[in-house]
Amino acid sequence: MKSMIGIFLRSNNMYSNIEKRREYYRRYYAKNKDRLKESKSRRWKRHYQAHKDDHANRELKRKFGITLEQKTQMLISQDNRCVICKNMFKDSNDVCVDHDHTSNKIRQLLCRKCNVMLGYANDNVLILSEAINYLNKWRAI
């Protein structure tokens, strides 16, 4: 008998009508928009901080097929420096995993500036050697 009463109450509830429910949530969201956005932002930040390594590991696996531990080993072997300019990496956002775009083979870790330089030159040795010749020509003057 108790379950029949529950079914009756649920069926007569304002939430049983899907349009009424949608309208209720629309009004609720409009009324509490700022609070809800702030709350969602705080939850996301807490979640991201708690699972930062998991996110980084997943992205490295997806993009390059390596783990965060392998990247850390590469950093240690390179003495936390860019292979090209020899500058120390400022932070984790400055470290780029350099790879060959045709074979997807990982090369080494570069700073963001050196990685962009290679990217704009399309990894073309001729373009880079012409850039060196150009700089040497103007250094002599």
N, C-alpha and C. Protein backbone atom coordinates (compact mmCIF):
# COMPACT_ATOMS: atom_id res chain seq x y z
N MET A 1 0.83 -1.20 0.00
CA MET A 1 0.00 0.00 0.00
C MET A 1 0.87 1.26 0.00
N LYS A 2 1.99 1.19 0.75
CA LYS A 2 2.88 2.34 0.86
C LYS A 2 3.45 2.73 -0.51
N SER A 3 3.84 1.74 -1.32
CA SER A 3 4.42 2.04 -2.62
C SER A 3 3.40 2.68 -3.55
N MET A 4 2.14 2.31 -3.45
CA MET A 4 1.09 2.92 -4.26
C MET A 4 0.93 4.40 -3.94
N ILE A 5 1.06 4.75 -2.65
CA ILE A 5 0.95 6.15 -2.25
C ILE A 5 2.12 6.94 -2.84
N GLY A 6 3.32 6.34 -2.78
CA GLY A 6 4.49 6.98 -3.34
C GLY A 6 4.35 7.24 -4.82
N ILE A 7 3.83 6.28 -5.56
CA ILE A 7 3.62 6.44 -7.00
C ILE A 7 2.61 7.56 -7.25
N PHE A 8 1.53 7.57 -6.47
CA PHE A 8 0.50 8.60 -6.62
C PHE A 8 1.09 9.98 -6.38
N LEU A 9 1.89 10.12 -5.30
CA LEU A 9 2.46 11.42 -4.98
C LEU A 9 3.44 11.88 -6.06
N ARG A 10 4.27 10.95 -6.56
CA ARG A 10 5.23 11.30 -7.59
C ARG A 10 4.54 11.69 -8.89
N SER A 11 3.46 11.03 -9.21
CA SER A 11 2.77 11.33 -10.46
C SER A 11 2.05 12.68 -10.40
N ASN A 12 1.66 13.12 -9.21
CA ASN A 12 1.00 14.41 -9.07
C ASN A 12 1.97 15.54 -8.74
N ASN A 13 3.21 15.20 -8.58
CA ASN A 13 4.24 16.18 -8.25
C ASN A 13 4.47 17.09 -9.46
N MET A 14 4.85 18.37 -9.20
CA MET A 14 5.10 19.29 -10.32
C MET A 14 6.26 18.82 -11.19
N TYR A 15 7.14 17.96 -10.64
CA TYR A 15 8.29 17.50 -11.41
C TYR A 15 7.93 16.37 -12.36
N SER A 16 6.73 15.84 -12.25
CA SER A 16 6.36 14.75 -13.16
C SER A 16 6.13 15.28 -14.57
N ASN A 17 5.79 16.53 -14.69
CA ASN A 17 5.61 17.14 -16.00
C ASN A 17 6.94 17.71 -16.45
N ILE A 18 7.47 17.17 -17.51
CA ILE A 18 8.83 17.54 -17.96
C ILE A 18 8.92 19.02 -18.34
N GLU A 19 7.87 19.58 -18.92
CA GLU A 19 7.91 21.00 -19.29
C GLU A 19 7.95 21.89 -18.04
N LYS A 20 7.18 21.52 -17.03
CA LYS A 20 7.21 22.28 -15.77
C LYS A 20 8.59 22.18 -15.14
N ARG A 21 9.20 21.01 -15.19
CA ARG A 21 10.53 20.81 -14.62
C ARG A 21 11.56 21.67 -15.35
N ARG A 22 11.49 21.68 -16.68
CA ARG A 22 12.43 22.50 -17.46
C ARG A 22 12.26 23.98 -17.14
N GLU A 23 11.02 24.42 -17.05
CA GLU A 23 10.75 25.81 -16.73
C GLU A 23 11.26 26.17 -15.34
N TYR A 24 11.09 25.25 -14.39
CA TYR A 24 11.60 25.47 -13.03
C TYR A 24 13.11 25.65 -13.06
N TYR A 25 13.83 24.78 -13.77
CA TYR A 25 15.29 24.86 -13.83
C TYR A 25 15.74 26.12 -14.58
N ARG A 26 15.02 26.52 -15.61
CA ARG A 26 15.37 27.76 -16.30
C ARG A 26 15.29 28.95 -15.36
N ARG A 27 14.19 29.04 -14.61
CA ARG A 27 14.02 30.14 -13.65
C ARG A 27 15.06 30.07 -12.54
N TYR A 28 15.33 28.86 -12.05
CA TYR A 28 16.31 28.68 -10.99
C TYR A 28 17.69 29.11 -11.46
N TYR A 29 18.06 28.70 -12.67
CA TYR A 29 19.37 29.06 -13.21
C TYR A 29 19.47 30.57 -13.42
N ALA A 30 18.42 31.18 -13.97
CA ALA A 30 18.43 32.64 -14.19
C ALA A 30 18.59 33.39 -12.87
N LYS A 31 17.93 32.89 -11.85
CA LYS A 31 17.97 33.55 -10.54
C LYS A 31 19.32 33.37 -9.86
N ASN A 32 19.97 32.21 -10.05
CA ASN A 32 21.20 31.86 -9.33
C ASN A 32 22.41 31.73 -10.25
N LYS A 33 22.36 32.36 -11.40
CA LYS A 33 23.39 32.21 -12.44
C LYS A 33 24.81 32.45 -11.92
N ASP A 34 25.04 33.59 -11.28
CA ASP A 34 26.39 33.93 -10.83
C ASP A 34 26.89 32.94 -9.78
N ARG A 35 26.04 32.61 -8.83
CA ARG A 35 26.43 31.68 -7.77
C ARG A 35 26.76 30.30 -8.34
N LEU A 36 25.95 29.83 -9.30
CA LEU A 36 26.18 28.52 -9.89
C LEU A 36 27.47 28.49 -10.70
N LYS A 37 27.74 29.55 -11.46
CA LYS A 37 28.98 29.60 -12.25
C LYS A 37 30.21 29.63 -11.34
N GLU A 38 30.13 30.42 -10.27
CA GLU A 38 31.24 30.50 -9.33
C GLU A 38 31.47 29.15 -8.66
N SER A 39 30.41 28.50 -8.28
CA SER A 39 30.51 27.20 -7.63
C SER A 39 31.13 26.18 -8.58
N LYS A 40 30.69 26.17 -9.84
CA LYS A 40 31.23 25.25 -10.83
C LYS A 40 32.72 25.51 -11.05
N SER A 41 33.10 26.78 -11.11
CA SER A 41 34.49 27.16 -11.31
C SER A 41 35.36 26.67 -10.14
N ARG A 42 34.86 26.86 -8.91
CA ARG A 42 35.62 26.41 -7.74
C ARG A 42 35.77 24.89 -7.74
N ARG A 43 34.68 24.19 -8.08
CA ARG A 43 34.74 22.72 -8.11
C ARG A 43 35.75 22.25 -9.15
N TRP A 44 35.74 22.88 -10.34
CA TRP A 44 36.67 22.48 -11.39
C TRP A 44 38.11 22.73 -10.96
N LYS A 45 38.38 23.88 -10.35
CA LYS A 45 39.74 24.19 -9.91
C LYS A 45 40.22 23.19 -8.86
N ARG A 46 39.35 22.86 -7.91
CA ARG A 46 39.71 21.88 -6.89
C ARG A 46 39.99 20.52 -7.52
N HIS A 47 39.13 20.13 -8.46
CA HIS A 47 39.30 18.85 -9.13
C HIS A 47 40.60 18.83 -9.93
N TYR A 48 40.86 19.92 -10.67
CA TYR A 48 42.06 19.98 -11.50
C TYR A 48 43.31 19.91 -10.64
N GLN A 49 43.33 20.67 -9.54
CA GLN A 49 44.49 20.64 -8.65
C GLN A 49 44.71 19.26 -8.05
N ALA A 50 43.63 18.59 -7.69
CA ALA A 50 43.74 17.27 -7.08
C ALA A 50 44.20 16.21 -8.08
N HIS A 51 43.89 16.42 -9.38
CA HIS A 51 44.20 15.41 -10.39
C HIS A 51 45.10 15.96 -11.50
N LYS A 52 45.94 16.94 -11.17
CA LYS A 52 46.79 17.60 -12.16
C LYS A 52 47.69 16.61 -12.90
N ASP A 53 48.35 15.73 -12.15
CA ASP A 53 49.25 14.75 -12.76
C ASP A 53 48.49 13.78 -13.66
N ASP A 54 47.29 13.40 -13.25
CA ASP A 54 46.49 12.49 -14.08
C ASP A 54 46.15 13.14 -15.42
N HIS A 55 45.77 14.42 -15.40
CA HIS A 55 45.45 15.13 -16.63
C HIS A 55 46.69 15.24 -17.52
N ALA A 56 47.82 15.60 -16.92
CA ALA A 56 49.06 15.75 -17.70
C ALA A 56 49.47 14.41 -18.30
N ASN A 57 49.36 13.35 -17.52
CA ASN A 57 49.74 12.01 -17.99
C ASN A 57 48.85 11.58 -19.15
N ARG A 58 47.56 11.82 -19.02
CA ARG A 58 46.61 11.45 -20.08
C ARG A 58 46.91 12.21 -21.38
N GLU A 59 47.19 13.52 -21.27
CA GLU A 59 47.49 14.32 -22.46
C GLU A 59 48.79 13.87 -23.13
N LEU A 60 49.83 13.59 -22.33
CA LEU A 60 51.09 13.12 -22.90
C LEU A 60 50.90 11.78 -23.61
N LYS A 61 50.13 10.89 -22.99
CA LYS A 61 49.86 9.59 -23.60
C LYS A 61 49.11 9.77 -24.92
N ARG A 62 48.11 10.64 -24.90
CA ARG A 62 47.28 10.85 -26.09
C ARG A 62 48.07 11.49 -27.23
N LYS A 63 48.85 12.53 -26.91
CA LYS A 63 49.56 13.27 -27.95
C LYS A 63 50.84 12.59 -28.43
N PHE A 64 51.62 12.07 -27.47
CA PHE A 64 52.97 11.62 -27.81
C PHE A 64 53.26 10.16 -27.48
N GLY A 65 52.37 9.50 -26.75
CA GLY A 65 52.59 8.10 -26.40
C GLY A 65 53.61 7.90 -25.29
N ILE A 66 53.87 8.95 -24.49
CA ILE A 66 54.79 8.82 -23.36
C ILE A 66 54.05 9.14 -22.06
N THR A 67 54.66 8.76 -20.95
CA THR A 67 54.05 9.04 -19.65
C THR A 67 54.72 10.26 -19.02
N LEU A 68 54.12 10.75 -17.97
CA LEU A 68 54.69 11.87 -17.24
C LEU A 68 56.04 11.49 -16.64
N GLU A 69 56.15 10.25 -16.22
CA GLU A 69 57.42 9.75 -15.66
C GLU A 69 58.52 9.77 -16.71
N GLN A 70 58.20 9.38 -17.95
CA GLN A 70 59.19 9.40 -19.03
C GLN A 70 59.61 10.84 -19.35
N LYS A 71 58.65 11.76 -19.32
CA LYS A 71 58.98 13.17 -19.57
C LYS A 71 59.88 13.70 -18.46
N THR A 72 59.59 13.32 -17.23
CA THR A 72 60.43 13.74 -16.10
C THR A 72 61.85 13.20 -16.25
N GLN A 73 61.98 11.94 -16.70
CA GLN A 73 63.31 11.37 -16.94
C GLN A 73 64.05 12.13 -18.04
N MET A 74 63.32 12.56 -19.07
CA MET A 74 63.94 13.36 -20.13
C MET A 74 64.43 14.69 -19.58
N LEU A 75 63.62 15.31 -18.72
CA LEU A 75 64.02 16.58 -18.09
C LEU A 75 65.30 16.41 -17.29
N ILE A 76 65.38 15.35 -16.51
CA ILE A 76 66.57 15.08 -15.69
C ILE A 76 67.78 14.85 -16.59
N SER A 77 67.62 14.06 -17.65
CA SER A 77 68.76 13.76 -18.53
C SER A 77 69.23 15.01 -19.28
N GLN A 78 68.32 15.99 -19.49
CA GLN A 78 68.69 17.24 -20.17
C GLN A 78 69.07 18.33 -19.17
N ASP A 79 69.18 17.98 -17.90
CA ASP A 79 69.56 18.93 -16.84
C ASP A 79 68.58 20.10 -16.78
N ASN A 80 67.29 19.82 -17.06
CA ASN A 80 66.22 20.82 -17.01
C ASN A 80 66.49 22.01 -17.94
N ARG A 81 67.13 21.73 -19.10
CA ARG A 81 67.48 22.78 -20.05
C ARG A 81 66.98 22.42 -21.45
N CYS A 82 66.75 23.46 -22.23
CA CYS A 82 66.40 23.29 -23.65
C CYS A 82 67.63 22.80 -24.40
N VAL A 83 67.44 21.86 -25.30
CA VAL A 83 68.55 21.29 -26.06
C VAL A 83 69.17 22.30 -27.02
N ILE A 84 68.36 23.21 -27.55
CA ILE A 84 68.85 24.15 -28.56
C ILE A 84 69.51 25.37 -27.93
N CYS A 85 68.78 26.11 -27.10
CA CYS A 85 69.31 27.38 -26.57
C CYS A 85 70.03 27.21 -25.22
N LYS A 86 69.92 26.05 -24.62
CA LYS A 86 70.58 25.70 -23.35
C LYS A 86 70.04 26.50 -22.15
N ASN A 87 68.95 27.25 -22.32
CA ASN A 87 68.34 27.96 -21.19
C ASN A 87 67.58 26.99 -20.31
N MET A 88 67.56 27.30 -19.01
CA MET A 88 66.78 26.47 -18.08
C MET A 88 65.30 26.71 -18.34
N PHE A 89 64.49 25.66 -18.17
CA PHE A 89 63.05 25.81 -18.31
C PHE A 89 62.53 26.61 -17.13
N LYS A 90 61.68 27.60 -17.42
CA LYS A 90 61.13 28.45 -16.36
C LYS A 90 60.10 27.71 -15.52
N ASP A 91 59.18 27.03 -16.19
CA ASP A 91 58.15 26.25 -15.50
C ASP A 91 57.67 25.15 -16.43
N SER A 92 56.72 24.37 -15.97
CA SER A 92 56.26 23.23 -16.77
C SER A 92 55.57 23.66 -18.06
N ASN A 93 55.03 24.89 -18.10
CA ASN A 93 54.39 25.37 -19.33
C ASN A 93 55.40 25.73 -20.40
N ASP A 94 56.66 25.90 -20.02
CA ASP A 94 57.71 26.27 -20.96
C ASP A 94 58.29 25.05 -21.67
N VAL A 95 58.02 23.85 -21.15
CA VAL A 95 58.61 22.62 -21.68
C VAL A 95 57.72 22.06 -22.80
N CYS A 96 58.31 21.87 -23.98
CA CYS A 96 57.58 21.30 -25.11
C CYS A 96 58.24 19.99 -25.53
N VAL A 97 57.43 18.99 -25.81
CA VAL A 97 57.94 17.71 -26.30
C VAL A 97 58.07 17.85 -27.82
N ASP A 98 59.30 17.86 -28.29
CA ASP A 98 59.54 18.00 -29.73
C ASP A 98 59.43 16.62 -30.37
N HIS A 99 58.75 16.58 -31.52
CA HIS A 99 58.58 15.31 -32.23
C HIS A 99 58.55 15.56 -33.73
N ASP A 100 58.90 14.52 -34.47
CA ASP A 100 58.86 14.57 -35.92
C ASP A 100 57.40 14.40 -36.35
N HIS A 101 56.89 15.35 -37.13
CA HIS A 101 55.48 15.31 -37.50
C HIS A 101 55.15 14.23 -38.53
N THR A 102 56.15 13.74 -39.23
CA THR A 102 55.86 12.68 -40.21
C THR A 102 55.90 11.30 -39.55
N SER A 103 56.90 11.05 -38.72
CA SER A 103 57.01 9.72 -38.08
C SER A 103 56.44 9.70 -36.67
N ASN A 104 56.12 10.87 -36.11
CA ASN A 104 55.64 11.01 -34.72
C ASN A 104 56.66 10.52 -33.69
N LYS A 105 57.91 10.40 -34.08
CA LYS A 105 58.96 9.97 -33.16
C LYS A 105 59.35 11.15 -32.26
N ILE A 106 59.43 10.89 -30.95
CA ILE A 106 59.83 11.91 -29.98
C ILE A 106 61.32 12.19 -30.17
N ARG A 107 61.67 13.49 -30.21
CA ARG A 107 63.08 13.84 -30.30
C ARG A 107 63.59 14.20 -28.90
N GLN A 108 63.40 15.42 -28.46
CA GLN A 108 63.83 15.83 -27.13
C GLN A 108 62.90 16.93 -26.63
N LEU A 109 63.23 17.51 -25.46
CA LEU A 109 62.42 18.58 -24.89
C LEU A 109 63.02 19.92 -25.26
N LEU A 110 62.16 20.84 -25.68
CA LEU A 110 62.60 22.18 -26.07
C LEU A 110 61.81 23.22 -25.28
N CYS A 111 62.38 24.43 -25.19
CA CYS A 111 61.60 25.53 -24.61
C CYS A 111 60.59 25.97 -25.66
N ARG A 112 59.61 26.71 -25.24
CA ARG A 112 58.53 27.11 -26.13
C ARG A 112 59.06 27.92 -27.33
N LYS A 113 60.01 28.84 -27.09
CA LYS A 113 60.53 29.67 -28.18
C LYS A 113 61.22 28.84 -29.25
N CYS A 114 62.05 27.90 -28.82
CA CYS A 114 62.77 27.07 -29.79
C CYS A 114 61.81 26.14 -30.54
N ASN A 115 60.81 25.65 -29.85
CA ASN A 115 59.82 24.78 -30.48
C ASN A 115 59.04 25.56 -31.54
N VAL A 116 58.67 26.79 -31.22
CA VAL A 116 57.95 27.64 -32.19
C VAL A 116 58.85 27.96 -33.38
N MET A 117 60.13 28.24 -33.11
CA MET A 117 61.07 28.53 -34.19
C MET A 117 61.13 27.36 -35.18
N LEU A 118 61.26 26.14 -34.67
CA LEU A 118 61.29 24.97 -35.55
C LEU A 118 59.96 24.80 -36.29
N GLY A 119 58.88 25.07 -35.59
CA GLY A 119 57.56 24.93 -36.19
C GLY A 119 57.35 25.89 -37.34
N TYR A 120 57.75 27.17 -37.15
CA TYR A 120 57.61 28.15 -38.23
C TYR A 120 58.52 27.84 -39.41
N ALA A 121 59.64 27.17 -39.14
CA ALA A 121 60.54 26.79 -40.23
C ALA A 121 60.13 25.45 -40.84
N ASN A 122 59.04 24.88 -40.35
CA ASN A 122 58.54 23.57 -40.82
C ASN A 122 59.60 22.48 -40.72
N ASP A 123 60.45 22.57 -39.70
CA ASP A 123 61.54 21.61 -39.48
C ASP A 123 62.43 21.46 -40.70
N ASN A 124 62.50 22.51 -41.51
CA ASN A 124 63.27 22.50 -42.75
C ASN A 124 64.67 23.04 -42.48
N VAL A 125 65.66 22.18 -42.68
CA VAL A 125 67.06 22.54 -42.41
C VAL A 125 67.52 23.67 -43.33
N LEU A 126 67.06 23.70 -44.58
CA LEU A 126 67.46 24.75 -45.51
C LEU A 126 66.98 26.12 -45.03
N ILE A 127 65.75 26.19 -44.57
CA ILE A 127 65.23 27.47 -44.07
C ILE A 127 66.05 27.92 -42.86
N LEU A 128 66.34 27.00 -41.96
CA LEU A 128 67.11 27.36 -40.77
C LEU A 128 68.54 27.75 -41.11
N SER A 129 69.16 27.07 -42.07
CA SER A 129 70.53 27.44 -42.45
C SER A 129 70.55 28.80 -43.15
N GLU A 130 69.52 29.11 -43.93
CA GLU A 130 69.43 30.43 -44.57
C GLU A 130 69.24 31.51 -43.50
N ALA A 131 68.49 31.20 -42.46
CA ALA A 131 68.31 32.15 -41.37
C ALA A 131 69.64 32.40 -40.67
N ILE A 132 70.44 31.35 -40.50
CA ILE A 132 71.77 31.50 -39.88
C ILE A 132 72.67 32.36 -40.77
N ASN A 133 72.65 32.08 -42.07
CA ASN A 133 73.46 32.88 -43.01
C ASN A 133 73.04 34.35 -42.96
N TYR A 134 71.75 34.60 -42.92
CA TYR A 134 71.22 35.96 -42.85
C TYR A 134 71.71 36.68 -41.59
N LEU A 135 71.62 36.00 -40.46
CA LEU A 135 72.07 36.61 -39.20
C LEU A 135 73.58 36.85 -39.21
N ASN A 136 74.35 35.90 -39.75
CA ASN A 136 75.82 36.09 -39.83
C ASN A 136 76.16 37.24 -40.77
N LYS A 137 75.44 37.39 -41.85
CA LYS A 137 75.70 38.48 -42.79
C LYS A 137 75.52 39.83 -42.12
N TRP A 138 74.48 40.00 -41.34
CA TRP A 138 74.20 41.26 -40.69
C TRP A 138 75.00 41.46 -39.41
N ARG A 139 75.56 40.41 -38.87
CA ARG A 139 76.42 40.55 -37.69
C ARG A 139 77.75 41.18 -38.08
N ALA A 140 78.23 40.84 -39.28
CA ALA A 140 79.52 41.34 -39.75
C ALA A 140 79.48 42.85 -40.03
N ILE A 141 78.33 43.38 -40.31
CA ILE A 141 78.23 44.80 -40.68
C ILE A 141 78.20 45.68 -39.45
